[in-house]
Amino acid sequence: MTPHELIEELERAESGDSRLDFWIWWWGNVSSPRGDRPAQEFIEEKLRSAEAPRYSSNIDAAATLVPEGYRWSLEQLRDRFAASVHPPVGRTTAQVTEARAAAPALCAAVLRTRICFVNDVMRGRH
């Protein structure tokens, strides 16, 4: 699953999901490996071992993904949640995401923030 596909799934998620937790861990955690899609055996092993925190069902776990120095907020709308991640002054713009559940909304906003940061680095802005 690509980061963009993961964001789309998070925006549709109605509750936590261990498969989403694995992919959040893979793409969103600074201590996780990077690179190509992991082997299916690796994915299954991680899912069985429950090593990935429950990011998609726990706001506290999701908040650990927010980069140091960034702020985040969460707002309940009529039938959705809006999450935003705000970078330090002078960095990339804030990322806002809406989702059906609170933790997935925050996870999606963090992933959008990380994508923007990587793009800025590649463009020489950081």
Protein backbone atom coordinates (compact mmCIF):
# COMPACT_ATOMS: atom_id res chain seq x y z
CA MET A 1 0.00 0.00 0.00
CA THR A 2 1.37 3.42 -0.91
CA PRO A 3 1.18 6.38 1.50
CA HIS A 4 -1.53 7.97 -0.67
CA GLU A 5 -3.61 4.78 -0.67
CA LEU A 6 -3.20 4.57 3.09
CA ILE A 7 -4.44 8.14 3.53
CA GLU A 8 -7.50 7.36 1.41
CA GLU A 9 -8.27 4.27 3.50
CA LEU A 10 -7.81 6.18 6.74
CA GLU A 11 -10.25 8.85 5.57
CA ARG A 12 -12.85 6.13 4.99
CA ALA A 13 -12.14 4.09 8.14
CA GLU A 14 -14.91 3.92 10.70
CA SER A 15 -12.78 2.27 13.37
CA GLY A 16 -9.31 0.95 14.09
CA ASP A 17 -7.78 -1.80 11.98
CA SER A 18 -4.56 -3.75 12.61
CA ARG A 19 -3.77 -3.82 8.89
CA LEU A 20 -3.95 -0.01 8.77
CA ASP A 21 -1.85 0.14 11.96
CA PHE A 22 0.90 -1.83 10.25
CA TRP A 23 0.93 0.49 7.23
CA ILE A 24 0.85 3.59 9.45
CA TRP A 25 3.85 2.16 11.31
CA TRP A 26 5.60 1.38 8.03
CA TRP A 27 5.15 4.82 6.41
CA GLY A 28 4.64 7.14 9.36
CA ASN A 29 7.00 6.16 12.12
CA VAL A 30 10.47 7.68 11.94
CA SER A 31 12.03 4.53 13.42
CA SER A 32 10.44 2.16 10.89
CA PRO A 33 12.23 0.89 7.79
CA ARG A 34 11.78 2.80 4.55
CA GLY A 35 11.84 1.88 0.94
CA ASP A 36 9.94 -0.54 -1.18
CA ARG A 37 6.82 -2.37 -0.20
CA PRO A 38 7.65 -4.99 2.45
CA ALA A 39 7.41 -8.69 1.71
CA GLN A 40 4.02 -10.28 2.46
CA GLU A 41 5.66 -12.57 5.05
CA PHE A 42 6.99 -9.53 6.91
CA ILE A 43 3.54 -7.91 6.92
CA GLU A 44 1.89 -11.07 8.25
CA GLU A 45 4.56 -11.50 10.93
CA LYS A 46 4.08 -7.91 12.15
CA LEU A 47 0.31 -8.29 12.17
CA ARG A 48 0.54 -11.51 14.20
CA SER A 49 3.06 -10.09 16.65
CA ALA A 50 0.93 -6.99 17.30
CA GLU A 51 4.16 -4.98 17.26
CA ALA A 52 2.63 -1.92 15.62
CA PRO A 53 0.85 0.39 18.08
CA ARG A 54 -2.89 0.77 17.61
CA TYR A 55 -2.55 4.12 15.83
CA SER A 56 -5.89 3.88 14.04
CA SER A 57 -7.93 3.29 17.20
CA ASN A 58 -6.10 5.32 19.85
CA ILE A 59 -5.59 9.09 19.79
CA ASP A 60 -2.62 8.88 22.18
CA ALA A 61 -0.87 6.39 19.88
CA ALA A 62 -1.70 8.50 16.81
CA ALA A 63 -0.31 11.61 18.53
CA THR A 64 3.09 9.90 18.91
CA LEU A 65 3.43 10.16 15.11
CA VAL A 66 3.28 13.96 15.14
CA PRO A 67 6.81 15.24 14.43
CA GLU A 68 8.63 17.01 17.26
CA GLY A 69 7.93 20.74 17.27
CA TYR A 70 4.65 20.38 15.36
CA ARG A 71 1.20 21.04 16.85
CA TRP A 72 -1.96 19.11 16.14
CA SER A 73 -5.65 19.65 16.68
CA LEU A 74 -8.81 17.62 16.31
CA GLU A 75 -12.33 18.90 15.83
CA GLN A 76 -15.56 16.95 15.76
CA LEU A 77 -17.80 17.97 12.90
CA ARG A 78 -21.35 16.81 12.36
CA ASP A 79 -20.52 13.22 11.32
CA ARG A 80 -16.76 13.39 10.82
CA PHE A 81 -13.57 14.54 12.48
CA ALA A 82 -11.16 17.15 11.13
CA ALA A 83 -7.53 16.75 12.14
CA SER A 84 -4.78 19.23 11.41
CA VAL A 85 -1.04 19.15 11.88
CA HIS A 86 0.73 22.50 12.08
CA PRO A 87 4.47 22.74 11.40
CA PRO A 88 6.85 25.17 13.08
CA VAL A 89 6.84 28.66 11.55
CA GLY A 90 8.59 28.83 8.20
CA ARG A 91 8.08 25.18 7.27
CA THR A 92 5.49 23.46 5.10
CA THR A 93 1.86 24.50 5.39
CA ALA A 94 -0.56 22.87 7.83
CA GLN A 95 -2.19 19.67 6.67
CA VAL A 96 -5.90 19.10 7.35
CA THR A 97 -7.77 15.85 6.85
CA GLU A 98 -11.34 14.76 7.49
CA ALA A 99 -12.26 11.20 8.37
CA ARG A 100 -15.10 9.24 9.92
CA ALA A 101 -13.17 8.55 13.13
CA ALA A 102 -10.80 10.68 15.21
CA ALA A 103 -7.61 8.57 15.33
CA PRO A 104 -7.61 7.75 11.60
CA ALA A 105 -8.11 11.47 10.85
CA LEU A 106 -5.03 12.40 12.87
CA CYS A 107 -2.99 9.59 11.29
CA ALA A 108 -3.94 10.79 7.80
CA ALA A 109 -3.02 14.40 8.63
CA VAL A 110 0.38 13.25 9.98
CA LEU A 111 1.05 11.24 6.82
CA ARG A 112 0.12 14.22 4.64
CA THR A 113 2.53 16.34 6.70
CA ARG A 114 5.35 13.84 6.25
CA ILE A 115 4.75 13.71 2.48
CA CYS A 116 4.89 17.53 2.29
CA PHE A 117 8.08 17.62 4.35
CA VAL A 118 9.78 15.02 2.15
CA ASN A 119 8.71 16.92 -0.98
CA ASP A 120 10.11 20.16 0.47
CA VAL A 121 13.41 18.48 1.32
CA MET A 122 13.66 17.10 -2.21
CA ARG A 123 13.06 20.62 -3.57
CA GLY A 124 15.79 22.02 -1.33
CA ARG A 125 13.47 23.98 0.96
CA HIS A 126 14.84 22.44 4.18
